[in-house]
Amino acid sequence: MSCIFIKRGLRATIGAMTQHRVLAPTLPASGKFTGPASYFPSIEKTYDRPIQEWLDLVADRLDSHRHMDVVAWLKSDHGMGHGHANAIVAYVKAKLAG
């Protein structure tokens, strides 16, 4: 049985997320993220939500949607800018690919 949680207006199915959860990165010794993760501090500040919430939503959504469809969904339903949306989707896809 899946459990639904609602936090700050975001909904996700916990049962589905735990199967392929992508964890937020930890800050490297250099003090700066690289690649798509370099957007994460700005995303958290701009949208006032932890990056882990976005990663969970995107990992779940990528099960049945293509990259650009998920980007478009983040933009239209959550008001996210294209660069931020694309960074989250690219990061999740790379981690899921191994």
PDB file of N, CA and C in Angstrom:
ATOM      1  N   MET A   1       0.841  -1.178   0.000  1.00  0.00           N
ATOM      2  CA  MET A   1       0.000   0.000   0.000  1.00  0.00           C
ATOM      3  C   MET A   1       0.883   1.237   0.000  1.00  0.00           C
ATOM      4  N   SER A   2       0.555   2.183  -0.853  1.00  0.00           N
ATOM      5  CA  SER A   2       1.309   3.422  -0.928  1.00  0.00           C
ATOM      6  C   SER A   2       0.743   4.451   0.025  1.00  0.00           C
ATOM      7  N   CYS A   3       1.598   5.281   0.521  1.00  0.00           N
ATOM      8  CA  CYS A   3       1.205   6.332   1.449  1.00  0.00           C
ATOM      9  C   CYS A   3       1.424   7.672   0.756  1.00  0.00           C
ATOM     10  N   ILE A   4       0.452   8.544   0.808  1.00  0.00           N
ATOM     11  CA  ILE A   4       0.569   9.853   0.180  1.00  0.00           C
ATOM     12  C   ILE A   4       0.922  10.883   1.251  1.00  0.00           C
ATOM     13  N   PHE A   5       1.867  11.754   0.938  1.00  0.00           N
ATOM     14  CA  PHE A   5       2.150  12.840   1.862  1.00  0.00           C
ATOM     15  C   PHE A   5       2.016  14.150   1.109  1.00  0.00           C
ATOM     16  N   ILE A   6       1.658  15.172   1.821  1.00  0.00           N
ATOM     17  CA  ILE A   6       1.529  16.502   1.233  1.00  0.00           C
ATOM     18  C   ILE A   6       2.376  17.435   2.076  1.00  0.00           C
ATOM     19  N   LYS A   7       3.306  18.108   1.433  1.00  0.00           N
ATOM     20  CA  LYS A   7       4.163  19.052   2.128  1.00  0.00           C
ATOM     21  C   LYS A   7       4.320  20.271   1.237  1.00  0.00           C
ATOM     22  N   ARG A   8       3.892  21.395   1.728  1.00  0.00           N
ATOM     23  CA  ARG A   8       3.980  22.651   0.994  1.00  0.00           C
ATOM     24  C   ARG A   8       3.369  22.540  -0.405  1.00  0.00           C
ATOM     25  N   GLY A   9       2.278  21.823  -0.520  1.00  0.00           N
ATOM     26  CA  GLY A   9       1.574  21.746  -1.788  1.00  0.00           C
ATOM     27  C   GLY A   9       2.083  20.701  -2.756  1.00  0.00           C
ATOM     28  N   LEU A  10       3.147  19.979  -2.425  1.00  0.00           N
ATOM     29  CA  LEU A  10       3.674  18.945  -3.309  1.00  0.00           C
ATOM     30  C   LEU A  10       3.135  17.595  -2.874  1.00  0.00           C
ATOM     31  N   ARG A  11       2.759  16.775  -3.827  1.00  0.00           N
ATOM     32  CA  ARG A  11       2.251  15.440  -3.521  1.00  0.00           C
ATOM     33  C   ARG A  11       3.121  14.408  -4.202  1.00  0.00           C
ATOM     34  N   ALA A  12       3.348  13.307  -3.532  1.00  0.00           N
ATOM     35  CA  ALA A  12       4.136  12.221  -4.125  1.00  0.00           C
ATOM     36  C   ALA A  12       3.746  10.911  -3.473  1.00  0.00           C
ATOM     37  N   THR A  13       3.955   9.843  -4.167  1.00  0.00           N
ATOM     38  CA  THR A  13       3.674   8.526  -3.627  1.00  0.00           C
ATOM     39  C   THR A  13       4.963   7.969  -3.057  1.00  0.00           C
ATOM     40  N   ILE A  14       4.979   7.740  -1.760  1.00  0.00           N
ATOM     41  CA  ILE A  14       6.188   7.270  -1.097  1.00  0.00           C
ATOM     42  C   ILE A  14       6.577   5.893  -1.595  1.00  0.00           C
ATOM     43  N   GLY A  15       5.633   4.995  -1.783  1.00  0.00           N
ATOM     44  CA  GLY A  15       5.933   3.642  -2.237  1.00  0.00           C
ATOM     45  C   GLY A  15       6.713   3.630  -3.534  1.00  0.00           C
ATOM     46  N   ALA A  16       6.351   4.487  -4.468  1.00  0.00           N
ATOM     47  CA  ALA A  16       7.042   4.537  -5.752  1.00  0.00           C
ATOM     48  C   ALA A  16       8.426   5.161  -5.610  1.00  0.00           C
ATOM     49  N   MET A  17       8.547   6.167  -4.764  1.00  0.00           N
ATOM     50  CA  MET A  17       9.826   6.867  -4.634  1.00  0.00           C
ATOM     51  C   MET A  17      10.915   5.995  -4.030  1.00  0.00           C
ATOM     52  N   THR A  18      10.560   5.149  -3.111  1.00  0.00           N
ATOM     53  CA  THR A  18      11.589   4.387  -2.424  1.00  0.00           C
ATOM     54  C   THR A  18      12.257   3.356  -3.332  1.00  0.00           C
ATOM     55  N   GLN A  19      11.629   3.001  -4.443  1.00  0.00           N
ATOM     56  CA  GLN A  19      12.191   2.019  -5.355  1.00  0.00           C
ATOM     57  C   GLN A  19      13.388   2.571  -6.131  1.00  0.00           C
ATOM     58  N   HIS A  20      13.414   3.846  -6.386  1.00  0.00           N
ATOM     59  CA  HIS A  20      14.484   4.433  -7.197  1.00  0.00           C
ATOM     60  C   HIS A  20      14.817   5.854  -6.748  1.00  0.00           C
ATOM     61  N   ARG A  21      14.912   6.047  -5.483  1.00  0.00           N
ATOM     62  CA  ARG A  21      15.167   7.384  -4.945  1.00  0.00           C
ATOM     63  C   ARG A  21      16.579   7.851  -5.278  1.00  0.00           C
ATOM     64  N   VAL A  22      16.664   9.087  -5.719  1.00  0.00           N
ATOM     65  CA  VAL A  22      17.945   9.733  -5.987  1.00  0.00           C
ATOM     66  C   VAL A  22      18.185  10.703  -4.843  1.00  0.00           C
ATOM     67  N   LEU A  23      19.276  10.505  -4.132  1.00  0.00           N
ATOM     68  CA  LEU A  23      19.582  11.357  -2.985  1.00  0.00           C
ATOM     69  C   LEU A  23      20.274  12.646  -3.410  1.00  0.00           C
ATOM     70  N   ALA A  24      19.970  13.690  -2.691  1.00  0.00           N
ATOM     71  CA  ALA A  24      20.621  14.974  -2.935  1.00  0.00           C
ATOM     72  C   ALA A  24      22.119  14.830  -2.667  1.00  0.00           C
ATOM     73  N   PRO A  25      22.941  15.518  -3.431  1.00  0.00           N
ATOM     74  CA  PRO A  25      24.388  15.414  -3.220  1.00  0.00           C
ATOM     75  C   PRO A  25      24.829  16.126  -1.945  1.00  0.00           C
ATOM     76  N   THR A  26      25.947  15.671  -1.416  1.00  0.00           N
ATOM     77  CA  THR A  26      26.556  16.382  -0.291  1.00  0.00           C
ATOM     78  C   THR A  26      27.599  17.335  -0.859  1.00  0.00           C
ATOM     79  N   LEU A  27      27.806  18.416  -0.173  1.00  0.00           N
ATOM     80  CA  LEU A  27      28.743  19.432  -0.642  1.00  0.00           C
ATOM     81  C   LEU A  27      30.157  18.854  -0.679  1.00  0.00           C
ATOM     82  N   PRO A  28      30.813  18.914  -1.844  1.00  0.00           N
ATOM     83  CA  PRO A  28      32.177  18.382  -1.936  1.00  0.00           C
ATOM     84  C   PRO A  28      33.179  19.235  -1.149  1.00  0.00           C
ATOM     85  N   ALA A  29      34.365  18.697  -0.957  1.00  0.00           N
ATOM     86  CA  ALA A  29      35.422  19.385  -0.197  1.00  0.00           C
ATOM     87  C   ALA A  29      35.762  20.746  -0.798  1.00  0.00           C
ATOM     88  N   SER A  30      35.605  20.873  -2.104  1.00  0.00           N
ATOM     89  CA  SER A  30      35.906  22.146  -2.775  1.00  0.00           C
ATOM     90  C   SER A  30      34.938  23.253  -2.380  1.00  0.00           C
ATOM     91  N   GLY A  31      33.788  22.861  -1.812  1.00  0.00           N
ATOM     92  CA  GLY A  31      32.803  23.848  -1.390  1.00  0.00           C
ATOM     93  C   GLY A  31      31.840  24.269  -2.478  1.00  0.00           C
ATOM     94  N   LYS A  32      31.987  23.684  -3.687  1.00  0.00           N
ATOM     95  CA  LYS A  32      31.106  24.038  -4.800  1.00  0.00           C
ATOM     96  C   LYS A  32      30.654  22.792  -5.536  1.00  0.00           C
ATOM     97  N   PHE A  33      29.357  22.776  -5.860  1.00  0.00           N
ATOM     98  CA  PHE A  33      28.832  21.709  -6.694  1.00  0.00           C
ATOM     99  C   PHE A  33      29.235  21.967  -8.143  1.00  0.00           C
ATOM    100  N   THR A  34      29.271  20.906  -8.924  1.00  0.00           N
ATOM    101  CA  THR A  34      29.555  21.044 -10.351  1.00  0.00           C
ATOM    102  C   THR A  34      28.425  20.412 -11.152  1.00  0.00           C
ATOM    103  N   GLY A  35      28.381  20.697 -12.430  1.00  0.00           N
ATOM    104  CA  GLY A  35      27.362  20.127 -13.300  1.00  0.00           C
ATOM    105  C   GLY A  35      25.965  20.600 -12.905  1.00  0.00           C
ATOM    106  N   PRO A  36      24.953  19.783 -13.198  1.00  0.00           N
ATOM    107  CA  PRO A  36      23.582  20.191 -12.870  1.00  0.00           C
ATOM    108  C   PRO A  36      23.385  20.523 -11.397  1.00  0.00           C
ATOM    109  N   ALA A  37      24.117  19.875 -10.511  1.00  0.00           N
ATOM    110  CA  ALA A  37      23.967  20.129  -9.070  1.00  0.00           C
ATOM    111  C   ALA A  37      24.386  21.549  -8.688  1.00  0.00           C
ATOM    112  N   SER A  38      25.131  22.212  -9.550  1.00  0.00           N
ATOM    113  CA  SER A  38      25.543  23.587  -9.243  1.00  0.00           C
ATOM    114  C   SER A  38      24.332  24.526  -9.152  1.00  0.00           C
ATOM    115  N   TYR A  39      23.209  24.120  -9.722  1.00  0.00           N
ATOM    116  CA  TYR A  39      21.985  24.911  -9.649  1.00  0.00           C
ATOM    117  C   TYR A  39      21.218  24.690  -8.339  1.00  0.00           C
ATOM    118  N   PHE A  40      21.509  23.642  -7.612  1.00  0.00           N
ATOM    119  CA  PHE A  40      20.693  23.241  -6.469  1.00  0.00           C
ATOM    120  C   PHE A  40      20.576  24.294  -5.366  1.00  0.00           C
ATOM    121  N   PRO A  41      21.658  24.959  -4.956  1.00  0.00           N
ATOM    122  CA  PRO A  41      21.490  26.005  -3.929  1.00  0.00           C
ATOM    123  C   PRO A  41      20.534  27.116  -4.377  1.00  0.00           C
ATOM    124  N   SER A  42      20.633  27.511  -5.628  1.00  0.00           N
ATOM    125  CA  SER A  42      19.752  28.545  -6.156  1.00  0.00           C
ATOM    126  C   SER A  42      18.305  28.053  -6.234  1.00  0.00           C
ATOM    127  N   ILE A  43      18.121  26.787  -6.609  1.00  0.00           N
ATOM    128  CA  ILE A  43      16.773  26.214  -6.681  1.00  0.00           C
ATOM    129  C   ILE A  43      16.128  26.218  -5.297  1.00  0.00           C
ATOM    130  N   GLU A  44      16.877  25.799  -4.280  1.00  0.00           N
ATOM    131  CA  GLU A  44      16.329  25.794  -2.921  1.00  0.00           C
ATOM    132  C   GLU A  44      15.958  27.201  -2.466  1.00  0.00           C
ATOM    133  N   LYS A  45      16.796  28.158  -2.769  1.00  0.00           N
ATOM    134  CA  LYS A  45      16.543  29.537  -2.364  1.00  0.00           C
ATOM    135  C   LYS A  45      15.356  30.133  -3.130  1.00  0.00           C
ATOM    136  N   THR A  46      15.303  29.896  -4.423  1.00  0.00           N
ATOM    137  CA  THR A  46      14.267  30.481  -5.266  1.00  0.00           C
ATOM    138  C   THR A  46      12.881  29.913  -4.975  1.00  0.00           C
ATOM    139  N   TYR A  47      12.794  28.593  -4.783  1.00  0.00           N
ATOM    140  CA  TYR A  47      11.490  27.947  -4.643  1.00  0.00           C
ATOM    141  C   TYR A  47      11.174  27.545  -3.201  1.00  0.00           C
ATOM    142  N   ASP A  48      12.071  27.849  -2.275  1.00  0.00           N
ATOM    143  CA  ASP A  48      11.869  27.631  -0.838  1.00  0.00           C
ATOM    144  C   ASP A  48      11.448  26.203  -0.497  1.00  0.00           C
ATOM    145  N   ARG A  49      12.077  25.243  -1.183  1.00  0.00           N
ATOM    146  CA  ARG A  49      11.841  23.822  -0.911  1.00  0.00           C
ATOM    147  C   ARG A  49      13.171  23.103  -0.973  1.00  0.00           C
ATOM    148  N   PRO A  50      13.360  22.099  -0.146  1.00  0.00           N
ATOM    149  CA  PRO A  50      14.609  21.329  -0.205  1.00  0.00           C
ATOM    150  C   PRO A  50      14.744  20.631  -1.556  1.00  0.00           C
ATOM    151  N   ILE A  51      15.947  20.528  -2.047  1.00  0.00           N
ATOM    152  CA  ILE A  51      16.183  19.893  -3.345  1.00  0.00           C
ATOM    153  C   ILE A  51      15.711  18.445  -3.338  1.00  0.00           C
ATOM    154  N   GLN A  52      15.748  17.793  -2.179  1.00  0.00           N
ATOM    155  CA  GLN A  52      15.324  16.395  -2.116  1.00  0.00           C
ATOM    156  C   GLN A  52      13.860  16.227  -2.527  1.00  0.00           C
ATOM    157  N   GLU A  53      13.018  17.193  -2.191  1.00  0.00           N
ATOM    158  CA  GLU A  53      11.611  17.124  -2.611  1.00  0.00           C
ATOM    159  C   GLU A  53      11.504  17.117  -4.132  1.00  0.00           C
ATOM    160  N   TRP A  54      12.275  17.991  -4.777  1.00  0.00           N
ATOM    161  CA  TRP A  54      12.245  18.062  -6.241  1.00  0.00           C
ATOM    162  C   TRP A  54      12.807  16.779  -6.854  1.00  0.00           C
ATOM    163  N   LEU A  55      13.889  16.258  -6.287  1.00  0.00           N
ATOM    164  CA  LEU A  55      14.485  15.033  -6.819  1.00  0.00           C
ATOM    165  C   LEU A  55      13.504  13.866  -6.722  1.00  0.00           C
ATOM    166  N   ASP A  56      12.793  13.777  -5.617  1.00  0.00           N
ATOM    167  CA  ASP A  56      11.812  12.704  -5.439  1.00  0.00           C
ATOM    168  C   ASP A  56      10.685  12.804  -6.460  1.00  0.00           C
ATOM    169  N   LEU A  57      10.165  14.013  -6.647  1.00  0.00           N
ATOM    170  CA  LEU A  57       9.085  14.205  -7.621  1.00  0.00           C
ATOM    171  C   LEU A  57       9.532  13.850  -9.032  1.00  0.00           C
ATOM    172  N   VAL A  58      10.712  14.297  -9.401  1.00  0.00           N
ATOM    173  CA  VAL A  58      11.208  14.060 -10.752  1.00  0.00           C
ATOM    174  C   VAL A  58      11.533  12.585 -10.980  1.00  0.00           C
ATOM    175  N   ALA A  59      12.146  11.928 -10.016  1.00  0.00           N
ATOM    176  CA  ALA A  59      12.458  10.502 -10.173  1.00  0.00           C
ATOM    177  C   ALA A  59      11.181   9.707 -10.395  1.00  0.00           C
ATOM    178  N   ASP A  60      10.141  10.038  -9.672  1.00  0.00           N
ATOM    179  CA  ASP A  60       8.861   9.358  -9.824  1.00  0.00           C
ATOM    180  C   ASP A  60       8.251   9.651 -11.195  1.00  0.00           C
ATOM    181  N   ARG A  61       8.320  10.883 -11.605  1.00  0.00           N
ATOM    182  CA  ARG A  61       7.711  11.316 -12.882  1.00  0.00           C
ATOM    183  C   ARG A  61       8.439  10.723 -14.088  1.00  0.00           C
ATOM    184  N   LEU A  62       9.739  10.529 -13.980  1.00  0.00           N
ATOM    185  CA  LEU A  62      10.513   9.993 -15.105  1.00  0.00           C
ATOM    186  C   LEU A  62      10.166   8.545 -15.429  1.00  0.00           C
ATOM    187  N   ASP A  63       9.430   7.877 -14.537  1.00  0.00           N
ATOM    188  CA  ASP A  63       8.988   6.511 -14.823  1.00  0.00           C
ATOM    189  C   ASP A  63       8.109   6.456 -16.066  1.00  0.00           C
ATOM    190  N   SER A  64       7.334   7.500 -16.278  1.00  0.00           N
ATOM    191  CA  SER A  64       6.354   7.462 -17.363  1.00  0.00           C
ATOM    192  C   SER A  64       6.400   8.664 -18.301  1.00  0.00           C
ATOM    193  N   HIS A  65       7.389   9.526 -18.143  1.00  0.00           N
ATOM    194  CA  HIS A  65       7.478  10.720 -18.979  1.00  0.00           C
ATOM    195  C   HIS A  65       8.909  10.929 -19.478  1.00  0.00           C
ATOM    196  N   ARG A  66       9.023  11.553 -20.636  1.00  0.00           N
ATOM    197  CA  ARG A  66      10.335  11.855 -21.209  1.00  0.00           C
ATOM    198  C   ARG A  66      10.939  13.089 -20.543  1.00  0.00           C
ATOM    199  N   HIS A  67      12.243  13.237 -20.720  1.00  0.00           N
ATOM    200  CA  HIS A  67      13.007  14.335 -20.119  1.00  0.00           C
ATOM    201  C   HIS A  67      12.313  15.685 -20.304  1.00  0.00           C
ATOM    202  N   MET A  68      12.078  16.067 -21.547  1.00  0.00           N
ATOM    203  CA  MET A  68      11.525  17.394 -21.802  1.00  0.00           C
ATOM    204  C   MET A  68      10.071  17.529 -21.340  1.00  0.00           C
ATOM    205  N   ASP A  69       9.354  16.413 -21.257  1.00  0.00           N
ATOM    206  CA  ASP A  69       7.995  16.458 -20.709  1.00  0.00           C
ATOM    207  C   ASP A  69       8.036  16.781 -19.218  1.00  0.00           C
ATOM    208  N   VAL A  70       9.014  16.228 -18.513  1.00  0.00           N
ATOM    209  CA  VAL A  70       9.160  16.508 -17.086  1.00  0.00           C
ATOM    210  C   VAL A  70       9.616  17.955 -16.882  1.00  0.00           C
ATOM    211  N   VAL A  71      10.514  18.429 -17.726  1.00  0.00           N
ATOM    212  CA  VAL A  71      10.945  19.835 -17.669  1.00  0.00           C
ATOM    213  C   VAL A  71       9.731  20.746 -17.863  1.00  0.00           C
ATOM    214  N   ALA A  72       8.930  20.456 -18.875  1.00  0.00           N
ATOM    215  CA  ALA A  72       7.739  21.274 -19.152  1.00  0.00           C
ATOM    216  C   ALA A  72       6.767  21.244 -17.974  1.00  0.00           C
ATOM    217  N   TRP A  73       6.617  20.083 -17.330  1.00  0.00           N
ATOM    218  CA  TRP A  73       5.737  19.950 -16.170  1.00  0.00           C
ATOM    219  C   TRP A  73       6.233  20.803 -15.000  1.00  0.00           C
ATOM    220  N   LEU A  74       7.539  20.771 -14.733  1.00  0.00           N
ATOM    221  CA  LEU A  74       8.092  21.595 -13.652  1.00  0.00           C
ATOM    222  C   LEU A  74       7.866  23.074 -13.937  1.00  0.00           C
ATOM    223  N   LYS A  75       8.002  23.469 -15.186  1.00  0.00           N
ATOM    224  CA  LYS A  75       7.808  24.861 -15.568  1.00  0.00           C
ATOM    225  C   LYS A  75       6.347  25.280 -15.445  1.00  0.00           C
ATOM    226  N   SER A  76       5.443  24.469 -15.995  1.00  0.00           N
ATOM    227  CA  SER A  76       4.033  24.863 -16.029  1.00  0.00           C
ATOM    228  C   SER A  76       3.327  24.683 -14.693  1.00  0.00           C
ATOM    229  N   ASP A  77       3.563  23.569 -14.021  1.00  0.00           N
ATOM    230  CA  ASP A  77       2.834  23.295 -12.784  1.00  0.00           C
ATOM    231  C   ASP A  77       3.487  23.865 -11.532  1.00  0.00           C
ATOM    232  N   HIS A  78       4.789  24.110 -11.589  1.00  0.00           N
ATOM    233  CA  HIS A  78       5.500  24.572 -10.394  1.00  0.00           C
ATOM    234  C   HIS A  78       6.198  25.919 -10.583  1.00  0.00           C
ATOM    235  N   GLY A  79       6.053  26.526 -11.771  1.00  0.00           N
ATOM    236  CA  GLY A  79       6.610  27.850 -12.012  1.00  0.00           C
ATOM    237  C   GLY A  79       8.127  27.901 -12.038  1.00  0.00           C
ATOM    238  N   MET A  80       8.751  26.783 -12.324  1.00  0.00           N
ATOM    239  CA  MET A  80      10.205  26.714 -12.317  1.00  0.00           C
ATOM    240  C   MET A  80      10.767  27.222 -13.654  1.00  0.00           C
ATOM    241  N   GLY A  81      11.911  27.869 -13.598  1.00  0.00           N
ATOM    242  CA  GLY A  81      12.577  28.312 -14.809  1.00  0.00           C
ATOM    243  C   GLY A  81      13.153  27.125 -15.575  1.00  0.00           C
ATOM    244  N   HIS A  82      13.394  27.316 -16.863  1.00  0.00           N
ATOM    245  CA  HIS A  82      13.864  26.222 -17.707  1.00  0.00           C
ATOM    246  C   HIS A  82      15.201  25.650 -17.235  1.00  0.00           C
ATOM    247  N   GLY A  83      16.157  26.496 -16.908  1.00  0.00           N
ATOM    248  CA  GLY A  83      17.474  26.029 -16.483  1.00  0.00           C
ATOM    249  C   GLY A  83      17.414  25.209 -15.207  1.00  0.00           C
ATOM    250  N   HIS A  84      16.628  25.676 -14.248  1.00  0.00           N
ATOM    251  CA  HIS A  84      16.479  24.944 -12.991  1.00  0.00           C
ATOM    252  C   HIS A  84      15.792  23.604 -13.223  1.00  0.00           C
ATOM    253  N   ALA A  85      14.714  23.607 -13.997  1.00  0.00           N
ATOM    254  CA  ALA A  85      13.983  22.372 -14.274  1.00  0.00           C
ATOM    255  C   ALA A  85      14.871  21.368 -15.001  1.00  0.00           C
ATOM    256  N   ASN A  86      15.585  21.828 -15.994  1.00  0.00           N
ATOM    257  CA  ASN A  86      16.452  20.946 -16.767  1.00  0.00           C
ATOM    258  C   ASN A  86      17.586  20.383 -15.911  1.00  0.00           C
ATOM    259  N   ALA A  87      18.118  21.182 -15.014  1.00  0.00           N
ATOM    260  CA  ALA A  87      19.201  20.718 -14.134  1.00  0.00           C
ATOM    261  C   ALA A  87      18.731  19.578 -13.233  1.00  0.00           C
ATOM    262  N   ILE A  88      17.544  19.705 -12.674  1.00  0.00           N
ATOM    263  CA  ILE A  88      17.023  18.646 -11.801  1.00  0.00           C
ATOM    264  C   ILE A  88      16.790  17.370 -12.593  1.00  0.00           C
ATOM    265  N   VAL A  89      16.147  17.492 -13.740  1.00  0.00           N
ATOM    266  CA  VAL A  89      15.847  16.304 -14.548  1.00  0.00           C
ATOM    267  C   VAL A  89      17.141  15.641 -15.021  1.00  0.00           C
ATOM    268  N   ALA A  90      18.103  16.426 -15.477  1.00  0.00           N
ATOM    269  CA  ALA A  90      19.377  15.866 -15.952  1.00  0.00           C
ATOM    270  C   ALA A  90      20.112  15.154 -14.818  1.00  0.00           C
ATOM    271  N   TYR A  91      20.119  15.738 -13.633  1.00  0.00           N
ATOM    272  CA  TYR A  91      20.786  15.127 -12.485  1.00  0.00           C
ATOM    273  C   TYR A  91      20.141  13.787 -12.141  1.00  0.00           C
ATOM    274  N   VAL A  92      18.818  13.758 -12.061  1.00  0.00           N
ATOM    275  CA  VAL A  92      18.106  12.533 -11.709  1.00  0.00           C
ATOM    276  C   VAL A  92      18.339  11.460 -12.765  1.00  0.00           C
ATOM    277  N   LYS A  93      18.244  11.832 -14.032  1.00  0.00           N
ATOM    278  CA  LYS A  93      18.461  10.849 -15.103  1.00  0.00           C
ATOM    279  C   LYS A  93      19.858  10.245 -15.042  1.00  0.00           C
ATOM    280  N   ALA A  94      20.849  11.070 -14.792  1.00  0.00           N
ATOM    281  CA  ALA A  94      22.235  10.589 -14.716  1.00  0.00           C
ATOM    282  C   ALA A  94      22.411   9.628 -13.542  1.00  0.00           C
ATOM    283  N   LYS A  95      21.829   9.944 -12.402  1.00  0.00           N
ATOM    284  CA  LYS A  95      21.952   9.084 -11.230  1.00  0.00           C
ATOM    285  C   LYS A  95      21.206   7.769 -11.416  1.00  0.00           C
ATOM    286  N   LEU A  96      20.040   7.818 -12.038  1.00  0.00           N
ATOM    287  CA  LEU A  96      19.278   6.598 -12.273  1.00  0.00           C
ATOM    288  C   LEU A  96      19.965   5.676 -13.294  1.00  0.00           C
ATOM    289  N   ALA A  97      20.697   6.298 -14.222  1.00  0.00           N
ATOM    290  CA  ALA A  97      21.409   5.507 -15.236  1.00  0.00           C
ATOM    291  C   ALA A  97      22.615   4.790 -14.644  1.00  0.00           C
ATOM    292  N   GLY A  98      23.052   5.259 -13.487  1.00  0.00           N
ATOM    293  CA  GLY A  98      24.151   4.585 -12.795  1.00  0.00           C
ATOM    294  C   GLY A  98      25.431   5.223 -13.032  1.00  0.00           C
TER     295      GLY A  98
END
